[in-house]
C-alpha atoms as a PDB file:
ATOM      1  CA  MET A   1      93.045  81.994 137.163  1.00  0.00           C
ATOM      2  CA  LYS A   2      94.435  85.334 137.552  1.00  0.00           C
ATOM      3  CA  LYS A   3      97.406  84.775 135.585  1.00  0.00           C
ATOM      4  CA  LEU A   4      95.314  83.056 132.441  1.00  0.00           C
ATOM      5  CA  GLN A   5      93.163  86.635 133.032  1.00  0.00           C
ATOM      6  CA  ALA A   6      96.305  88.786 132.684  1.00  0.00           C
ATOM      7  CA  VAL A   7      97.793  86.737 129.681  1.00  0.00           C
ATOM      8  CA  LEU A   8      93.913  86.542 128.046  1.00  0.00           C
ATOM      9  CA  LEU A   9      94.555  90.759 128.963  1.00  0.00           C
ATOM     10  CA  PHE A  10      97.422  90.914 127.232  1.00  0.00           C
ATOM     11  CA  LEU A  11      96.768  89.270 124.006  1.00  0.00           C
ATOM     12  CA  VAL A  12      93.525  91.498 123.277  1.00  0.00           C
ATOM     13  CA  ALA A  13      95.393  94.499 124.322  1.00  0.00           C
ATOM     14  CA  ALA A  14      98.485  93.399 121.535  1.00  0.00           C
ATOM     15  CA  ALA A  15      95.611  92.279 119.247  1.00  0.00           C
ATOM     16  CA  ALA A  16      93.934  96.074 119.651  1.00  0.00           C
ATOM     17  CA  LEU A  17      97.204  97.949 119.419  1.00  0.00           C
ATOM     18  CA  SER A  18      97.522  95.518 116.103  1.00  0.00           C
ATOM     19  CA  LEU A  19      94.682  96.439 114.474  1.00  0.00           C
ATOM     20  CA  ALA A  20      94.998  99.859 115.515  1.00  0.00           C
ATOM     21  CA  GLN A  21      98.845 100.295 113.605  1.00  0.00           C
ATOM     22  CA  ALA A  22      96.529  99.847 110.597  1.00  0.00           C
ATOM     23  CA  GLN A  23      95.611 102.996 108.569  1.00  0.00           C
ATOM     24  CA  GLU A  24      92.932 103.241 106.195  1.00  0.00           C
ATOM     25  CA  TYR A  25      93.713 105.051 103.032  1.00  0.00           C
ATOM     26  CA  LYS A  26      90.973 106.074 100.468  1.00  0.00           C
ATOM     27  CA  ILE A  27      92.064 105.667  96.517  1.00  0.00           C
ATOM     28  CA  ASP A  28      91.712 108.914  95.265  1.00  0.00           C
ATOM     29  CA  PRO A  29      90.687 108.101  91.113  1.00  0.00           C
ATOM     30  CA  VAL A  30      91.796 111.753  89.766  1.00  0.00           C
ATOM     31  CA  HIS A  31      95.320 110.997  91.145  1.00  0.00           C
ATOM     32  CA  SER A  32      95.251 106.773  90.507  1.00  0.00           C
ATOM     33  CA  SER A  33      94.970 104.857  87.107  1.00  0.00           C
ATOM     34  CA  ALA A  34      95.192 101.100  85.613  1.00  0.00           C
ATOM     35  CA  THR A  35      97.168 101.213  82.289  1.00  0.00           C
ATOM     36  CA  PHE A  36      97.159  98.552  79.810  1.00  0.00           C
ATOM     37  CA  LYS A  37      99.312  97.410  76.850  1.00  0.00           C
ATOM     38  CA  VAL A  38      98.399  95.014  74.416  1.00  0.00           C
ATOM     39  CA  ARG A  39      99.670  93.912  70.707  1.00  0.00           C
ATOM     40  CA  HIS A  40      97.856  94.113  67.781  1.00  0.00           C
ATOM     41  CA  MET A  41      98.353  92.804  64.618  1.00  0.00           C
ATOM     42  CA  MET A  42     101.342  91.304  65.862  1.00  0.00           C
ATOM     43  CA  VAL A  43     102.910  94.196  64.957  1.00  0.00           C
ATOM     44  CA  SER A  44     102.524  97.316  66.957  1.00  0.00           C
ATOM     45  CA  THR A  45     101.344  98.095  70.986  1.00  0.00           C
ATOM     46  CA  VAL A  46      97.897  99.602  71.862  1.00  0.00           C
ATOM     47  CA  VAL A  47      97.977 101.622  75.149  1.00  0.00           C
ATOM     48  CA  GLY A  48      94.901 102.430  77.133  1.00  0.00           C
ATOM     49  CA  ARG A  49      93.611 103.275  80.721  1.00  0.00           C
ATOM     50  CA  PHE A  50      91.284 103.093  83.009  1.00  0.00           C
ATOM     51  CA  THR A  51      89.954 106.168  84.160  1.00  0.00           C
ATOM     52  CA  ASP A  52      87.920 105.059  87.210  1.00  0.00           C
ATOM     53  CA  VAL A  53      89.612 103.809  89.751  1.00  0.00           C
ATOM     54  CA  GLU A  54      88.064 103.261  93.119  1.00  0.00           C
ATOM     55  CA  GLY A  55      88.575 101.470  97.102  1.00  0.00           C
ATOM     56  CA  THR A  56      90.719 101.016  99.824  1.00  0.00           C
ATOM     57  CA  ILE A  57      94.133 100.823 101.226  1.00  0.00           C
ATOM     58  CA  SER A  58      94.873  99.867 104.784  1.00  0.00           C
ATOM     59  CA  TYR A  59      98.342 100.269 105.740  1.00  0.00           C
ATOM     60  CA  ASP A  60     100.692  99.269 108.511  1.00  0.00           C
ATOM     61  CA  GLU A  61     103.722 100.341 108.040  1.00  0.00           C
ATOM     62  CA  ASN A  62     104.827  98.319 110.934  1.00  0.00           C
ATOM     63  CA  ASP A  63     104.164  95.222 110.041  1.00  0.00           C
ATOM     64  CA  PRO A  64     103.154  95.898 105.767  1.00  0.00           C
ATOM     65  CA  SER A  65     102.057  92.151 105.650  1.00  0.00           C
ATOM     66  CA  LYS A  66      99.229  92.985 107.787  1.00  0.00           C
ATOM     67  CA  SER A  67      98.490  95.461 104.994  1.00  0.00           C
ATOM     68  CA  LYS A  68      95.253  95.001 102.344  1.00  0.00           C
ATOM     69  CA  VAL A  69      93.780  96.476  99.380  1.00  0.00           C
ATOM     70  CA  ASP A  70      90.415  96.484  98.135  1.00  0.00           C
ATOM     71  CA  ALA A  71      90.134  98.111  94.535  1.00  0.00           C
ATOM     72  CA  VAL A  72      87.402  98.403  91.782  1.00  0.00           C
ATOM     73  CA  ILE A  73      87.700  99.877  88.404  1.00  0.00           C
ATOM     74  CA  LYS A  74      84.820 100.836  86.364  1.00  0.00           C
ATOM     75  CA  THR A  75      85.121  98.889  83.217  1.00  0.00           C
ATOM     76  CA  ALA A  76      83.482 101.718  81.421  1.00  0.00           C
ATOM     77  CA  SER A  77      86.024 103.943  82.359  1.00  0.00           C
ATOM     78  CA  VAL A  78      88.651 102.276  79.422  1.00  0.00           C
ATOM     79  CA  ASN A  79      89.832 105.272  77.189  1.00  0.00           C
ATOM     80  CA  THR A  80      92.491 104.279  74.047  1.00  0.00           C
ATOM     81  CA  ASP A  81      92.310 107.610  72.408  1.00  0.00           C
ATOM     82  CA  ASN A  82      90.175 106.316  69.899  1.00  0.00           C
ATOM     83  CA  ASN A  83      85.819 106.212  70.178  1.00  0.00           C
ATOM     84  CA  MET A  84      86.010 103.244  67.539  1.00  0.00           C
ATOM     85  CA  ARG A  85      88.150 101.272  69.465  1.00  0.00           C
ATOM     86  CA  ASP A  86      86.618 101.669  73.074  1.00  0.00           C
ATOM     87  CA  GLY A  87      83.260 101.320  71.642  1.00  0.00           C
ATOM     88  CA  ASP A  88      83.943  97.794  70.582  1.00  0.00           C
ATOM     89  CA  LEU A  89      86.506  97.185  74.153  1.00  0.00           C
ATOM     90  CA  LYS A  90      83.160  98.474  76.229  1.00  0.00           C
ATOM     91  CA  ASN A  91      80.399  96.573  73.939  1.00  0.00           C
ATOM     92  CA  ASN A  92      82.219  93.721  72.450  1.00  0.00           C
ATOM     93  CA  PHE A  93      85.299  92.186  74.473  1.00  0.00           C
ATOM     94  CA  LEU A  94      84.349  94.140  78.187  1.00  0.00           C
ATOM     95  CA  GLU A  95      80.283  93.802  78.009  1.00  0.00           C
ATOM     96  CA  VAL A  96      80.805  96.826  80.636  1.00  0.00           C
ATOM     97  CA  GLU A  97      76.533  96.967  80.174  1.00  0.00           C
ATOM     98  CA  LYS A  98      77.019  93.480  82.081  1.00  0.00           C
ATOM     99  CA  TYR A  99      79.777  93.321  83.702  1.00  0.00           C
ATOM    100  CA  PRO A 100      80.749  97.316  84.922  1.00  0.00           C
ATOM    101  CA  GLU A 101      83.279  96.856  87.403  1.00  0.00           C
ATOM    102  CA  MET A 102      86.869  94.737  87.807  1.00  0.00           C
ATOM    103  CA  LYS A 103      87.497  93.788  91.167  1.00  0.00           C
ATOM    104  CA  PHE A 104      90.903  92.929  92.884  1.00  0.00           C
ATOM    105  CA  THR A 105      90.796  92.129  97.130  1.00  0.00           C
ATOM    106  CA  SER A 106      94.042  90.827  98.734  1.00  0.00           C
ATOM    107  CA  THR A 107      94.198  87.815 100.796  1.00  0.00           C
ATOM    108  CA  LYS A 108      97.424  87.863 101.666  1.00  0.00           C
ATOM    109  CA  VAL A 109     100.593  90.654 101.579  1.00  0.00           C
ATOM    110  CA  GLU A 110     104.690  89.182 101.706  1.00  0.00           C
ATOM    111  CA  LYS A 111     107.311  89.829 100.602  1.00  0.00           C
ATOM    112  CA  ARG A 112     109.802  87.541  98.884  1.00  0.00           C
ATOM    113  CA  GLY A 113     113.640  89.008  99.236  1.00  0.00           C
ATOM    114  CA  ASP A 114     112.909  92.865  98.299  1.00  0.00           C
ATOM    115  CA  GLN A 115     109.656  92.713  96.330  1.00  0.00           C
ATOM    116  CA  TRP A 116     106.749  93.029  98.275  1.00  0.00           C
ATOM    117  CA  ILE A 117     103.818  90.532  96.438  1.00  0.00           C
ATOM    118  CA  ALA A 118      99.941  91.411  96.935  1.00  0.00           C
ATOM    119  CA  THR A 119      98.273  88.106  96.178  1.00  0.00           C
ATOM    120  CA  GLY A 120      93.939  87.565  96.052  1.00  0.00           C
ATOM    121  CA  PRO A 121      91.277  86.882  93.652  1.00  0.00           C
ATOM    122  CA  LEU A 122      90.930  89.727  90.795  1.00  0.00           C
ATOM    123  CA  THR A 123      87.459  89.593  89.129  1.00  0.00           C
ATOM    124  CA  ILE A 124      86.692  90.699  85.508  1.00  0.00           C
ATOM    125  CA  LYS A 125      83.890  89.866  83.608  1.00  0.00           C
ATOM    126  CA  ASP A 126      82.430  86.323  84.798  1.00  0.00           C
ATOM    127  CA  VAL A 127      85.687  85.066  85.833  1.00  0.00           C
ATOM    128  CA  THR A 128      87.196  85.250  89.315  1.00  0.00           C
ATOM    129  CA  LYS A 129      91.583  84.326  89.376  1.00  0.00           C
ATOM    130  CA  THR A 130      93.785  84.204  92.274  1.00  0.00           C
ATOM    131  CA  VAL A 131      96.765  86.672  91.343  1.00  0.00           C
ATOM    132  CA  GLU A 132      99.607  87.889  92.310  1.00  0.00           C
ATOM    133  CA  ILE A 133     100.806  91.394  91.929  1.00  0.00           C
ATOM    134  CA  PRO A 134     104.118  92.618  92.731  1.00  0.00           C
ATOM    135  CA  PHE A 135     104.071  96.524  94.018  1.00  0.00           C
ATOM    136  CA  GLU A 136     105.985  99.075  95.562  1.00  0.00           C
ATOM    137  CA  ILE A 137     104.222 101.857  97.953  1.00  0.00           C
ATOM    138  CA  THR A 138     105.295 104.452  99.727  1.00  0.00           C
ATOM    139  CA  LYS A 139     104.225 107.138 102.664  1.00  0.00           C
ATOM    140  CA  ALA A 140     103.958 110.631 103.387  1.00  0.00           C
ATOM    141  CA  ASN A 141     103.017 113.349 105.069  1.00  0.00           C
ATOM    142  CA  THR A 142     101.633 115.718 102.371  1.00  0.00           C
ATOM    143  CA  GLN A 143      99.331 119.581 102.624  1.00  0.00           C
ATOM    144  CA  PHE A 144      96.357 116.971 102.571  1.00  0.00           C
ATOM    145  CA  GLY A 145      97.544 114.628 105.525  1.00  0.00           C
ATOM    146  CA  PRO A 146      98.747 111.130 105.283  1.00  0.00           C
ATOM    147  CA  ALA A 147      99.493 109.308 102.237  1.00  0.00           C
ATOM    148  CA  VAL A 148     100.542 106.765 100.224  1.00  0.00           C
ATOM    149  CA  GLY A 149     101.591 105.345  97.072  1.00  0.00           C
ATOM    150  CA  VAL A 150     101.384 102.654  95.334  1.00  0.00           C
ATOM    151  CA  SER A 151     102.920 101.106  91.517  1.00  0.00           C
ATOM    152  CA  ALA A 152     102.868  97.473  90.484  1.00  0.00           C
ATOM    153  CA  ASP A 153     103.100  95.654  87.434  1.00  0.00           C
ATOM    154  CA  PHE A 154     101.953  92.531  86.351  1.00  0.00           C
ATOM    155  CA  LYS A 155     100.193  90.659  82.926  1.00  0.00           C
ATOM    156  CA  ILE A 156      97.407  88.149  82.871  1.00  0.00           C
ATOM    157  CA  ASN A 157      96.031  86.619  79.842  1.00  0.00           C
ATOM    158  CA  ARG A 158      92.784  87.980  78.497  1.00  0.00           C
ATOM    159  CA  ASN A 159      91.692  84.392  77.743  1.00  0.00           C
ATOM    160  CA  ASP A 160      91.391  83.555  81.403  1.00  0.00           C
ATOM    161  CA  TYR A 161      88.734  86.042  81.830  1.00  0.00           C
ATOM    162  CA  HIS A 162      87.002  86.008  78.723  1.00  0.00           C
ATOM    163  CA  VAL A 163      87.744  88.785  77.558  1.00  0.00           C
ATOM    164  CA  VAL A 164      87.139  88.054  73.989  1.00  0.00           C
ATOM    165  CA  LYS A 165      84.944  89.328  70.979  1.00  0.00           C
ATOM    166  CA  ALA A 166      82.111  86.420  70.763  1.00  0.00           C
ATOM    167  CA  GLY A 167      81.519  84.420  67.068  1.00  0.00           C
ATOM    168  CA  ILE A 168      85.594  85.299  66.571  1.00  0.00           C
ATOM    169  CA  THR A 169      87.650  83.161  66.313  1.00  0.00           C
ATOM    170  CA  ASP A 170      90.725  84.496  68.723  1.00  0.00           C
ATOM    171  CA  ASN A 171      94.191  83.158  68.355  1.00  0.00           C
ATOM    172  CA  GLY A 172      95.837  86.030  69.142  1.00  0.00           C
ATOM    173  CA  ALA A 173      96.656  87.667  65.693  1.00  0.00           C
ATOM    174  CA  THR A 174      94.815  90.091  66.053  1.00  0.00           C
ATOM    175  CA  VAL A 175      94.642  91.448  69.141  1.00  0.00           C
ATOM    176  CA  GLY A 176      97.640  90.221  71.319  1.00  0.00           C
ATOM    177  CA  ASN A 177      96.399  87.581  74.165  1.00  0.00           C
ATOM    178  CA  GLU A 178      98.735  88.850  76.978  1.00  0.00           C
ATOM    179  CA  ILE A 179      97.960  92.023  78.667  1.00  0.00           C
ATOM    180  CA  SER A 180     100.370  93.887  80.188  1.00  0.00           C
ATOM    181  CA  ILE A 181      98.986  96.350  83.159  1.00  0.00           C
ATOM    182  CA  GLU A 182     100.627  99.176  85.586  1.00  0.00           C
ATOM    183  CA  LEU A 183      98.900 100.505  88.063  1.00  0.00           C
ATOM    184  CA  ASN A 184      99.663 104.091  89.686  1.00  0.00           C
ATOM    185  CA  VAL A 185      97.286 104.730  93.006  1.00  0.00           C
ATOM    186  CA  GLU A 186      97.486 107.282  95.267  1.00  0.00           C
ATOM    187  CA  ALA A 187      95.272 107.241  98.783  1.00  0.00           C
ATOM    188  CA  HIS A 188      94.502 109.641 101.734  1.00  0.00           C
ATOM    189  CA  ALA A 189      93.820 109.483 104.898  1.00  0.00           C
ATOM    190  CA  PRO A 190      90.440 110.157 106.004  1.00  0.00           C
ATOM    191  CA  LYS A 191      90.650 113.798 107.345  1.00  0.00           C
ATOM    192  CA  PRO A 192      89.662 113.506 111.214  1.00  0.00           C
ATOM    193  CA  ALA A 193      86.219 114.666 112.330  1.00  0.00           C
ATOM    194  CA  GLY A 194      86.036 118.714 111.862  1.00  0.00           C
ATOM    195  CA  LYS A 195      88.492 119.883 109.938  1.00  0.00           C
END
């Protein structure tokens, strides 16, 4: 009986130590961005960005596979440096009043060869699909305390998420179907109480 108790105590202590090794970081929206590229008229490429990115990153430096990310992007923050186009995106494609947020929550982080992959549900508008996001992560101690940086590139088909203009036959000739997304995120550990 004592041996069983000792084993259970060891397992609990090991689990607690494992949890303690994961540090939570809050995404800094001022130094984070979600940029996208899409073909226009099958001729040029339009570049835009979402400027309001929020969320948390739980990073375990000893075992990154135990890490996790929860991110939210405010759809109304879309900016392509053209007011008319931005209005069209907000009102007709993204329907920002009805769908104010895009969300991603990782359910698994794993390394395949030299590449880290975060897998989880991505929700855009009324659609949630599991995606795999290849990423790189760096950790540093800055003048503001511990911080992590995450960069990622992946692609989605906008039709899969109903990002289409109502009443228009959408074959990708005007606005390309494939969206290239680039994420650059900076996140900081919370300051200790009293500092």
